[in-house]
Amino acid sequence: MRQVLAASRPFSWINTAYPFAAGYLVATSGRVDALLVVGTLFFLAPYNLLMYGVNDVFDYESDLRNPRKGGIEGALADPAVARTVHRRILWSCVVTTVPFVVWLLAQGSAGAGATLLVVLFLVVAYSAPGLRFKERPVLDSFTSAMHFVGPLLYALVLVGADLAARDVWPVLVAFVLWGMASHAFGAVQDVRADREGGIASVATVRGAHATVVAATVGYLLAAATLVALPWPGWLAAVLPLPYALNAARFWSVRDADCERANQGWRRFLWLNLVTGFLVTMLLIADALA
């Protein structure tokens, strides 16, 4: 069961629970109720187990060839018990996800329910056999971005927020751009491993250097989009810039030394925590304005 827990990547739980909780609280002016609590708990653990667990099961053969797997960047079951562990992971995904989803579908509008189901479909479609969105260049980056934007979007639809409002659409668009850039940059380090495993990705198709360039531009576009927010929200335009700088440091990376980008990816993981703190400060400042 420790391996089942590891498959959910606890270090990254906050990355999906936070967007839902923050979006819900801001859109409802701080309302705390059962929907907030249950939704946050769902996007904290079960959602991540579904997202990463399904990925770990169906990417196992290629992950065995990837030297960065087996730690904070992805669980890797012992080959001797892999089949048993994978069966437990998939059953755990069902057992932990279904009750939450059934309850959430019963609480919100039809639009909110449809949004939640689409978000969950994209989570499964990214890795599941027959769909494998992760092997469809560009769609792979968009789908990965929606794994994190999805909880925020669901929260906003759930409470009836105006998605076209000036203080909403720039956040959603910038978040998607940030997510796509982050996925693309993360794929750079796996170019050789993915090619050896027969896995296509935006990075294996475009090459390491071109993907780093695209990721850097994506971060800059996210920053430019956030300028459209009203004060003090447009201060958030600064937040994607460290990501752009982090990616740009690997401008010279080529396919032959793509693994060098792992240093930047590890920095990215910790940069998320700093950015989350700064976003929280901005939300507090906006609430007090």
C-alpha atoms as a PDB file:
ATOM      1  CA  MET A   1       0.000   0.000   0.000  1.00  0.00           C
ATOM      2  CA  ARG A   2       2.980   2.280   0.434  1.00  0.00           C
ATOM      3  CA  GLN A   3       3.563   1.878  -3.293  1.00  0.00           C
ATOM      4  CA  VAL A   4      -0.077   2.770  -3.977  1.00  0.00           C
ATOM      5  CA  LEU A   5       0.371   5.944  -1.940  1.00  0.00           C
ATOM      6  CA  ALA A   6       3.636   6.703  -3.721  1.00  0.00           C
ATOM      7  CA  ALA A   7       1.822   6.399  -7.054  1.00  0.00           C
ATOM      8  CA  SER A   8      -0.313   9.419  -6.106  1.00  0.00           C
ATOM      9  CA  ARG A   9       2.850  11.565  -5.713  1.00  0.00           C
ATOM     10  CA  PRO A  10       1.982  13.294  -2.401  1.00  0.00           C
ATOM     11  CA  PHE A  11       4.509  16.061  -3.092  1.00  0.00           C
ATOM     12  CA  SER A  12       2.221  17.252  -5.900  1.00  0.00           C
ATOM     13  CA  TRP A  13      -1.154  16.936  -4.148  1.00  0.00           C
ATOM     14  CA  ILE A  14      -1.343  20.654  -3.430  1.00  0.00           C
ATOM     15  CA  ASN A  15      -1.034  21.486  -7.143  1.00  0.00           C
ATOM     16  CA  THR A  16      -4.590  20.321  -7.835  1.00  0.00           C
ATOM     17  CA  ALA A  17      -6.319  20.891  -4.489  1.00  0.00           C
ATOM     18  CA  TYR A  18      -5.157  24.508  -4.289  1.00  0.00           C
ATOM     19  CA  PRO A  19      -6.691  25.680  -7.614  1.00  0.00           C
ATOM     20  CA  PHE A  20     -10.073  24.215  -6.645  1.00  0.00           C
ATOM     21  CA  ALA A  21     -10.065  25.626  -3.113  1.00  0.00           C
ATOM     22  CA  ALA A  22      -8.725  29.040  -4.121  1.00  0.00           C
ATOM     23  CA  GLY A  23     -11.161  29.362  -7.016  1.00  0.00           C
ATOM     24  CA  TYR A  24     -14.101  28.331  -4.834  1.00  0.00           C
ATOM     25  CA  LEU A  25     -13.197  30.688  -1.982  1.00  0.00           C
ATOM     26  CA  VAL A  26     -12.534  33.691  -4.209  1.00  0.00           C
ATOM     27  CA  ALA A  27     -15.657  33.185  -6.327  1.00  0.00           C
ATOM     28  CA  THR A  28     -17.873  32.838  -3.221  1.00  0.00           C
ATOM     29  CA  SER A  29     -16.176  35.612  -1.214  1.00  0.00           C
ATOM     30  CA  GLY A  30     -14.854  33.178   1.362  1.00  0.00           C
ATOM     31  CA  ARG A  31     -17.754  30.760   1.779  1.00  0.00           C
ATOM     32  CA  VAL A  32     -16.803  27.592   3.663  1.00  0.00           C
ATOM     33  CA  ASP A  33     -19.233  24.703   3.262  1.00  0.00           C
ATOM     34  CA  ALA A  34     -19.419  20.986   2.519  1.00  0.00           C
ATOM     35  CA  LEU A  35     -18.798  21.508  -1.201  1.00  0.00           C
ATOM     36  CA  LEU A  36     -15.533  23.288  -0.490  1.00  0.00           C
ATOM     37  CA  VAL A  37     -14.347  20.658   1.993  1.00  0.00           C
ATOM     38  CA  VAL A  38     -15.339  17.585  -0.030  1.00  0.00           C
ATOM     39  CA  GLY A  39     -14.120  19.071  -3.317  1.00  0.00           C
ATOM     40  CA  THR A  40     -10.778  20.038  -1.831  1.00  0.00           C
ATOM     41  CA  LEU A  41     -10.295  16.593  -0.296  1.00  0.00           C
ATOM     42  CA  PHE A  42     -11.150  14.953  -3.616  1.00  0.00           C
ATOM     43  CA  PHE A  43      -8.687  17.042  -5.604  1.00  0.00           C
ATOM     44  CA  LEU A  44      -6.074  16.613  -2.896  1.00  0.00           C
ATOM     45  CA  ALA A  45      -5.619  12.827  -2.894  1.00  0.00           C
ATOM     46  CA  PRO A  46      -8.060  10.656  -4.930  1.00  0.00           C
ATOM     47  CA  TYR A  47      -7.717  12.855  -8.022  1.00  0.00           C
ATOM     48  CA  ASN A  48      -3.928  12.629  -7.909  1.00  0.00           C
ATOM     49  CA  LEU A  49      -4.022   8.874  -7.389  1.00  0.00           C
ATOM     50  CA  LEU A  50      -6.226   8.570 -10.468  1.00  0.00           C
ATOM     51  CA  MET A  51      -4.038  10.884 -12.535  1.00  0.00           C
ATOM     52  CA  TYR A  52      -0.613   9.556 -11.607  1.00  0.00           C
ATOM     53  CA  GLY A  53      -1.624   6.008 -10.729  1.00  0.00           C
ATOM     54  CA  VAL A  54      -3.127   5.270 -14.142  1.00  0.00           C
ATOM     55  CA  ASN A  55      -0.050   6.841 -15.721  1.00  0.00           C
ATOM     56  CA  ASP A  56       2.345   4.720 -13.660  1.00  0.00           C
ATOM     57  CA  VAL A  57       0.492   1.514 -14.548  1.00  0.00           C
ATOM     58  CA  PHE A  58       0.318   2.023 -18.298  1.00  0.00           C
ATOM     59  CA  ASP A  59       3.726   3.671 -18.654  1.00  0.00           C
ATOM     60  CA  TYR A  60       5.509   1.042 -16.582  1.00  0.00           C
ATOM     61  CA  GLU A  61       7.545  -0.527 -19.387  1.00  0.00           C
ATOM     62  CA  SER A  62       8.930   2.810 -20.558  1.00  0.00           C
ATOM     63  CA  ASP A  63       9.432   4.040 -16.977  1.00  0.00           C
ATOM     64  CA  LEU A  64      11.738   1.082 -16.349  1.00  0.00           C
ATOM     65  CA  ARG A  65      14.102   2.611 -18.917  1.00  0.00           C
ATOM     66  CA  ASN A  66      13.850   6.097 -17.425  1.00  0.00           C
ATOM     67  CA  PRO A  67      16.543   6.769 -14.793  1.00  0.00           C
ATOM     68  CA  ARG A  68      14.606   9.576 -13.108  1.00  0.00           C
ATOM     69  CA  LYS A  69      11.670   7.355 -12.167  1.00  0.00           C
ATOM     70  CA  GLY A  70      11.412   5.723  -8.783  1.00  0.00           C
ATOM     71  CA  GLY A  71      11.433   8.803  -6.537  1.00  0.00           C
ATOM     72  CA  ILE A  72       9.772  12.191  -6.209  1.00  0.00           C
ATOM     73  CA  GLU A  73       9.372  12.366  -9.998  1.00  0.00           C
ATOM     74  CA  GLY A  74       7.355   9.185 -10.331  1.00  0.00           C
ATOM     75  CA  ALA A  75       6.784   5.901  -8.527  1.00  0.00           C
ATOM     76  CA  LEU A  76       8.169   2.670  -9.952  1.00  0.00           C
ATOM     77  CA  ALA A  77       6.968  -0.664  -8.616  1.00  0.00           C
ATOM     78  CA  ASP A  78       9.397  -3.489  -7.984  1.00  0.00           C
ATOM     79  CA  PRO A  79       9.263  -5.719 -11.105  1.00  0.00           C
ATOM     80  CA  ALA A  80       8.813  -8.767  -8.893  1.00  0.00           C
ATOM     81  CA  VAL A  81       5.453  -7.510  -7.595  1.00  0.00           C
ATOM     82  CA  ALA A  82       4.538  -4.976 -10.283  1.00  0.00           C
ATOM     83  CA  ARG A  83       1.440  -6.803 -11.486  1.00  0.00           C
ATOM     84  CA  THR A  84       0.023  -7.007  -7.962  1.00  0.00           C
ATOM     85  CA  VAL A  85       0.860  -3.385  -7.191  1.00  0.00           C
ATOM     86  CA  HIS A  86      -0.664  -2.185 -10.457  1.00  0.00           C
ATOM     87  CA  ARG A  87      -3.869  -4.095  -9.767  1.00  0.00           C
ATOM     88  CA  ARG A  88      -4.054  -2.480  -6.326  1.00  0.00           C
ATOM     89  CA  ILE A  89      -3.431   0.964  -7.811  1.00  0.00           C
ATOM     90  CA  LEU A  90      -6.267   0.632 -10.327  1.00  0.00           C
ATOM     91  CA  TRP A  91      -8.698  -0.709  -7.728  1.00  0.00           C
ATOM     92  CA  SER A  92      -7.680   2.058  -5.330  1.00  0.00           C
ATOM     93  CA  CYS A  93      -8.394   4.610  -8.054  1.00  0.00           C
ATOM     94  CA  VAL A  94     -11.932   3.286  -8.404  1.00  0.00           C
ATOM     95  CA  VAL A  95     -12.614   2.949  -4.672  1.00  0.00           C
ATOM     96  CA  THR A  96     -11.347   6.417  -3.772  1.00  0.00           C
ATOM     97  CA  THR A  97     -12.712   8.303  -6.783  1.00  0.00           C
ATOM     98  CA  VAL A  98     -16.237   7.001  -7.364  1.00  0.00           C
ATOM     99  CA  PRO A  99     -17.828   7.975  -3.998  1.00  0.00           C
ATOM    100  CA  PHE A 100     -16.534  11.551  -4.265  1.00  0.00           C
ATOM    101  CA  VAL A 101     -17.639  11.911  -7.878  1.00  0.00           C
ATOM    102  CA  VAL A 102     -21.129  10.527  -7.198  1.00  0.00           C
ATOM    103  CA  TRP A 103     -21.592  12.985  -4.323  1.00  0.00           C
ATOM    104  CA  LEU A 104     -20.220  15.963  -6.262  1.00  0.00           C
ATOM    105  CA  LEU A 105     -22.430  15.199  -9.280  1.00  0.00           C
ATOM    106  CA  ALA A 106     -25.457  15.223  -7.002  1.00  0.00           C
ATOM    107  CA  GLN A 107     -24.631  18.673  -5.609  1.00  0.00           C
ATOM    108  CA  GLY A 108     -23.913  20.875  -8.609  1.00  0.00           C
ATOM    109  CA  SER A 109     -25.681  21.929 -11.799  1.00  0.00           C
ATOM    110  CA  ALA A 110     -25.659  19.917 -15.009  1.00  0.00           C
ATOM    111  CA  GLY A 111     -22.960  22.233 -16.338  1.00  0.00           C
ATOM    112  CA  ALA A 112     -20.796  21.648 -13.280  1.00  0.00           C
ATOM    113  CA  GLY A 113     -21.290  17.887 -13.537  1.00  0.00           C
ATOM    114  CA  ALA A 114     -20.355  17.903 -17.217  1.00  0.00           C
ATOM    115  CA  THR A 115     -17.248  19.940 -16.432  1.00  0.00           C
ATOM    116  CA  LEU A 116     -16.168  17.485 -13.749  1.00  0.00           C
ATOM    117  CA  LEU A 117     -16.696  14.502 -16.045  1.00  0.00           C
ATOM    118  CA  VAL A 118     -14.704  16.115 -18.858  1.00  0.00           C
ATOM    119  CA  VAL A 119     -11.860  16.880 -16.449  1.00  0.00           C
ATOM    120  CA  LEU A 120     -11.829  13.261 -15.259  1.00  0.00           C
ATOM    121  CA  PHE A 121     -12.010  11.965 -18.829  1.00  0.00           C
ATOM    122  CA  LEU A 122      -8.907  13.981 -19.722  1.00  0.00           C
ATOM    123  CA  VAL A 123      -7.114  12.591 -16.668  1.00  0.00           C
ATOM    124  CA  VAL A 124      -7.759   9.013 -17.769  1.00  0.00           C
ATOM    125  CA  ALA A 125      -7.393   9.678 -21.518  1.00  0.00           C
ATOM    126  CA  TYR A 126      -3.878  10.988 -21.016  1.00  0.00           C
ATOM    127  CA  SER A 127      -2.512   7.517 -20.197  1.00  0.00           C
ATOM    128  CA  ALA A 128      -5.169   4.861 -20.828  1.00  0.00           C
ATOM    129  CA  PRO A 129      -4.673   2.409 -23.722  1.00  0.00           C
ATOM    130  CA  GLY A 130      -6.718   3.249 -26.791  1.00  0.00           C
ATOM    131  CA  LEU A 131      -6.705   6.959 -26.016  1.00  0.00           C
ATOM    132  CA  ARG A 132      -3.147   7.819 -24.953  1.00  0.00           C
ATOM    133  CA  PHE A 133      -3.453  11.595 -25.378  1.00  0.00           C
ATOM    134  CA  LYS A 134       0.070  11.767 -23.999  1.00  0.00           C
ATOM    135  CA  GLU A 135       1.290  10.404 -27.327  1.00  0.00           C
ATOM    136  CA  ARG A 136      -0.451  13.060 -29.419  1.00  0.00           C
ATOM    137  CA  PRO A 137       1.906  16.043 -29.650  1.00  0.00           C
ATOM    138  CA  VAL A 138       0.439  19.397 -28.514  1.00  0.00           C
ATOM    139  CA  LEU A 139      -2.733  17.622 -27.366  1.00  0.00           C
ATOM    140  CA  ASP A 140      -0.501  16.010 -24.746  1.00  0.00           C
ATOM    141  CA  SER A 141       0.521  19.410 -23.399  1.00  0.00           C
ATOM    142  CA  PHE A 142      -3.053  20.769 -23.461  1.00  0.00           C
ATOM    143  CA  THR A 143      -4.409  17.698 -21.694  1.00  0.00           C
ATOM    144  CA  SER A 144      -1.701  17.906 -19.051  1.00  0.00           C
ATOM    145  CA  ALA A 145      -2.481  21.595 -18.512  1.00  0.00           C
ATOM    146  CA  MET A 146      -6.154  20.775 -17.989  1.00  0.00           C
ATOM    147  CA  HIS A 147      -5.213  18.354 -15.227  1.00  0.00           C
ATOM    148  CA  PHE A 148      -4.439  21.451 -13.134  1.00  0.00           C
ATOM    149  CA  VAL A 149      -6.706  24.056 -14.720  1.00  0.00           C
ATOM    150  CA  GLY A 150      -9.610  21.600 -14.550  1.00  0.00           C
ATOM    151  CA  PRO A 151     -10.101  21.768 -10.755  1.00  0.00           C
ATOM    152  CA  LEU A 152     -10.167  25.587 -10.935  1.00  0.00           C
ATOM    153  CA  LEU A 153     -12.568  25.587 -13.883  1.00  0.00           C
ATOM    154  CA  TYR A 154     -14.837  23.101 -12.116  1.00  0.00           C
ATOM    155  CA  ALA A 155     -14.902  25.237  -8.961  1.00  0.00           C
ATOM    156  CA  LEU A 156     -15.877  28.328 -10.949  1.00  0.00           C
ATOM    157  CA  VAL A 157     -18.640  26.535 -12.872  1.00  0.00           C
ATOM    158  CA  LEU A 158     -19.831  24.878  -9.660  1.00  0.00           C
ATOM    159  CA  VAL A 159     -20.505  28.253  -7.997  1.00  0.00           C
ATOM    160  CA  GLY A 160     -21.845  29.920 -11.129  1.00  0.00           C
ATOM    161  CA  ALA A 161     -18.976  32.345 -11.741  1.00  0.00           C
ATOM    162  CA  ASP A 162     -18.849  34.418 -14.934  1.00  0.00           C
ATOM    163  CA  LEU A 163     -15.995  32.857 -16.907  1.00  0.00           C
ATOM    164  CA  ALA A 164     -15.880  35.865 -19.265  1.00  0.00           C
ATOM    165  CA  ALA A 165     -15.322  38.360 -16.435  1.00  0.00           C
ATOM    166  CA  ARG A 166     -12.180  40.484 -16.593  1.00  0.00           C
ATOM    167  CA  ASP A 167     -10.834  38.972 -13.378  1.00  0.00           C
ATOM    168  CA  VAL A 168     -11.474  35.370 -14.511  1.00  0.00           C
ATOM    169  CA  TRP A 169     -10.649  34.718 -18.175  1.00  0.00           C
ATOM    170  CA  PRO A 170      -7.029  35.997 -18.015  1.00  0.00           C
ATOM    171  CA  VAL A 171      -6.357  33.606 -15.131  1.00  0.00           C
ATOM    172  CA  LEU A 172      -7.799  30.626 -17.007  1.00  0.00           C
ATOM    173  CA  VAL A 173      -5.975  31.424 -20.252  1.00  0.00           C
ATOM    174  CA  ALA A 174      -2.666  32.129 -18.497  1.00  0.00           C
ATOM    175  CA  PHE A 175      -3.021  28.973 -16.405  1.00  0.00           C
ATOM    176  CA  VAL A 176      -3.494  26.878 -19.573  1.00  0.00           C
ATOM    177  CA  LEU A 177      -0.460  28.513 -21.210  1.00  0.00           C
ATOM    178  CA  TRP A 178       1.599  27.936 -18.065  1.00  0.00           C
ATOM    179  CA  GLY A 179       0.463  24.306 -17.894  1.00  0.00           C
ATOM    180  CA  MET A 180       1.240  23.604 -21.547  1.00  0.00           C
ATOM    181  CA  ALA A 181       4.666  25.225 -21.229  1.00  0.00           C
ATOM    182  CA  SER A 182       5.379  23.232 -18.071  1.00  0.00           C
ATOM    183  CA  HIS A 183       4.396  19.927 -19.639  1.00  0.00           C
ATOM    184  CA  ALA A 184       6.504  20.630 -22.722  1.00  0.00           C
ATOM    185  CA  PHE A 185       9.512  21.594 -20.640  1.00  0.00           C
ATOM    186  CA  GLY A 186       9.091  18.489 -18.480  1.00  0.00           C
ATOM    187  CA  ALA A 187       9.030  16.300 -21.595  1.00  0.00           C
ATOM    188  CA  VAL A 188      12.434  17.568 -22.759  1.00  0.00           C
ATOM    189  CA  GLN A 189      14.374  15.508 -20.207  1.00  0.00           C
ATOM    190  CA  ASP A 190      12.675  12.322 -21.459  1.00  0.00           C
ATOM    191  CA  VAL A 191      13.273  12.722 -25.196  1.00  0.00           C
ATOM    192  CA  ARG A 192      15.746   9.857 -25.495  1.00  0.00           C
ATOM    193  CA  ALA A 193      13.986   7.604 -22.967  1.00  0.00           C
ATOM    194  CA  ASP A 194      10.610   8.131 -24.669  1.00  0.00           C
ATOM    195  CA  ARG A 195      12.019   7.440 -28.121  1.00  0.00           C
ATOM    196  CA  GLU A 196      13.636   4.238 -26.887  1.00  0.00           C
ATOM    197  CA  GLY A 197      10.318   3.242 -25.330  1.00  0.00           C
ATOM    198  CA  GLY A 198       8.393   4.050 -28.498  1.00  0.00           C
ATOM    199  CA  ILE A 199       6.460   6.897 -26.858  1.00  0.00           C
ATOM    200  CA  ALA A 200       5.666  10.032 -28.844  1.00  0.00           C
ATOM    201  CA  SER A 201       5.423  13.442 -27.177  1.00  0.00           C
ATOM    202  CA  VAL A 202       5.621  17.089 -28.093  1.00  0.00           C
ATOM    203  CA  ALA A 203       9.351  16.941 -27.255  1.00  0.00           C
ATOM    204  CA  THR A 204      10.171  13.765 -29.194  1.00  0.00           C
ATOM    205  CA  VAL A 205       8.492  15.230 -32.286  1.00  0.00           C
ATOM    206  CA  ARG A 206       9.828  18.779 -32.097  1.00  0.00           C
ATOM    207  CA  GLY A 207      13.165  17.988 -30.500  1.00  0.00           C
ATOM    208  CA  ALA A 208      14.650  19.157 -27.209  1.00  0.00           C
ATOM    209  CA  HIS A 209      15.835  22.609 -28.299  1.00  0.00           C
ATOM    210  CA  ALA A 210      12.633  23.619 -30.110  1.00  0.00           C
ATOM    211  CA  THR A 211      10.557  22.426 -27.159  1.00  0.00           C
ATOM    212  CA  VAL A 212      12.581  24.489 -24.682  1.00  0.00           C
ATOM    213  CA  VAL A 213      12.058  27.528 -26.906  1.00  0.00           C
ATOM    214  CA  ALA A 214       8.309  26.852 -27.102  1.00  0.00           C
ATOM    215  CA  ALA A 215       8.069  26.408 -23.321  1.00  0.00           C
ATOM    216  CA  THR A 216       9.899  29.678 -22.692  1.00  0.00           C
ATOM    217  CA  VAL A 217       7.576  31.526 -25.078  1.00  0.00           C
ATOM    218  CA  GLY A 218       4.556  29.892 -23.434  1.00  0.00           C
ATOM    219  CA  TYR A 219       5.572  31.207 -20.035  1.00  0.00           C
ATOM    220  CA  LEU A 220       6.084  34.693 -21.451  1.00  0.00           C
ATOM    221  CA  LEU A 221       2.644  34.607 -23.105  1.00  0.00           C
ATOM    222  CA  ALA A 222       1.129  33.575 -19.769  1.00  0.00           C
ATOM    223  CA  ALA A 223       2.760  36.582 -18.137  1.00  0.00           C
ATOM    224  CA  ALA A 224       1.478  38.900 -20.875  1.00  0.00           C
ATOM    225  CA  THR A 225      -2.068  37.547 -20.475  1.00  0.00           C
ATOM    226  CA  LEU A 226      -2.112  38.248 -16.731  1.00  0.00           C
ATOM    227  CA  VAL A 227      -1.450  41.936 -17.366  1.00  0.00           C
ATOM    228  CA  ALA A 228      -5.138  42.142 -18.386  1.00  0.00           C
ATOM    229  CA  LEU A 229      -6.215  41.541 -14.764  1.00  0.00           C
ATOM    230  CA  PRO A 230      -7.465  44.510 -12.719  1.00  0.00           C
ATOM    231  CA  TRP A 231      -5.281  45.833  -9.882  1.00  0.00           C
ATOM    232  CA  PRO A 232      -3.763  44.236  -7.857  1.00  0.00           C
ATOM    233  CA  GLY A 233      -4.229  41.064  -9.879  1.00  0.00           C
ATOM    234  CA  TRP A 234      -1.966  42.141 -12.716  1.00  0.00           C
ATOM    235  CA  LEU A 235       0.973  41.850 -10.327  1.00  0.00           C
ATOM    236  CA  ALA A 236       0.605  38.109 -10.973  1.00  0.00           C
ATOM    237  CA  ALA A 237       2.133  38.765 -14.404  1.00  0.00           C
ATOM    238  CA  VAL A 238       5.514  38.577 -12.664  1.00  0.00           C
ATOM    239  CA  LEU A 239       4.962  35.001 -11.512  1.00  0.00           C
ATOM    240  CA  PRO A 240       5.525  33.139 -14.819  1.00  0.00           C
ATOM    241  CA  LEU A 241       8.798  34.999 -15.425  1.00  0.00           C
ATOM    242  CA  PRO A 242      10.970  32.817 -13.129  1.00  0.00           C
ATOM    243  CA  TYR A 243       9.633  29.785 -14.992  1.00  0.00           C
ATOM    244  CA  ALA A 244      10.610  31.377 -18.304  1.00  0.00           C
ATOM    245  CA  LEU A 245      14.072  32.105 -16.956  1.00  0.00           C
ATOM    246  CA  ASN A 246      14.403  28.554 -15.633  1.00  0.00           C
ATOM    247  CA  ALA A 247      13.489  27.098 -19.026  1.00  0.00           C
ATOM    248  CA  ALA A 248      15.654  29.562 -20.958  1.00  0.00           C
ATOM    249  CA  ARG A 249      18.717  28.410 -19.020  1.00  0.00           C
ATOM    250  CA  PHE A 250      18.504  25.183 -21.027  1.00  0.00           C
ATOM    251  CA  TRP A 251      18.255  26.921 -24.409  1.00  0.00           C
ATOM    252  CA  SER A 252      21.338  25.052 -25.599  1.00  0.00           C
ATOM    253  CA  VAL A 253      19.976  21.589 -24.762  1.00  0.00           C
ATOM    254  CA  ARG A 254      19.791  19.181 -27.677  1.00  0.00           C
ATOM    255  CA  ASP A 255      18.397  15.670 -28.012  1.00  0.00           C
ATOM    256  CA  ALA A 256      21.784  14.100 -27.256  1.00  0.00           C
ATOM    257  CA  ASP A 257      22.005  15.718 -23.811  1.00  0.00           C
ATOM    258  CA  CYS A 258      18.296  16.174 -23.067  1.00  0.00           C
ATOM    259  CA  GLU A 259      18.701  14.655 -19.598  1.00  0.00           C
ATOM    260  CA  ARG A 260      20.470  17.858 -18.577  1.00  0.00           C
ATOM    261  CA  ALA A 261      17.043  19.531 -18.433  1.00  0.00           C
ATOM    262  CA  ASN A 262      16.194  17.427 -15.364  1.00  0.00           C
ATOM    263  CA  GLN A 263      18.024  19.985 -13.254  1.00  0.00           C
ATOM    264  CA  GLY A 264      15.554  22.609 -14.442  1.00  0.00           C
ATOM    265  CA  TRP A 265      12.602  20.282 -13.838  1.00  0.00           C
ATOM    266  CA  ARG A 266      13.643  19.697 -10.249  1.00  0.00           C
ATOM    267  CA  ARG A 267      13.902  23.451  -9.798  1.00  0.00           C
ATOM    268  CA  PHE A 268      10.428  23.741 -11.324  1.00  0.00           C
ATOM    269  CA  LEU A 269       8.960  21.447  -8.647  1.00  0.00           C
ATOM    270  CA  TRP A 270      10.193  23.675  -5.848  1.00  0.00           C
ATOM    271  CA  LEU A 271       9.408  26.868  -7.735  1.00  0.00           C
ATOM    272  CA  ASN A 272       5.757  25.821  -7.641  1.00  0.00           C
ATOM    273  CA  LEU A 273       5.755  26.071  -3.848  1.00  0.00           C
ATOM    274  CA  VAL A 274       7.190  29.581  -3.887  1.00  0.00           C
ATOM    275  CA  THR A 275       4.720  30.634  -6.577  1.00  0.00           C
ATOM    276  CA  GLY A 276       1.834  29.177  -4.600  1.00  0.00           C
ATOM    277  CA  PHE A 277       2.824  31.276  -1.595  1.00  0.00           C
ATOM    278  CA  LEU A 278       2.990  34.428  -3.717  1.00  0.00           C
ATOM    279  CA  VAL A 279      -0.392  33.687  -5.309  1.00  0.00           C
ATOM    280  CA  THR A 280      -1.844  33.336  -1.813  1.00  0.00           C
ATOM    281  CA  MET A 281      -0.443  36.729  -0.825  1.00  0.00           C
ATOM    282  CA  LEU A 282      -1.972  38.283  -3.938  1.00  0.00           C
ATOM    283  CA  LEU A 283      -5.360  36.723  -3.209  1.00  0.00           C
ATOM    284  CA  ILE A 284      -5.252  38.081   0.334  1.00  0.00           C
ATOM    285  CA  ALA A 285      -4.244  41.537  -0.925  1.00  0.00           C
ATOM    286  CA  ASP A 286      -7.080  41.461  -3.450  1.00  0.00           C
ATOM    287  CA  ALA A 287      -9.589  40.453  -0.774  1.00  0.00           C
ATOM    288  CA  LEU A 288      -8.479  43.351   1.425  1.00  0.00           C
ATOM    289  CA  ALA A 289      -8.407  45.907  -1.408  1.00  0.00           C
END
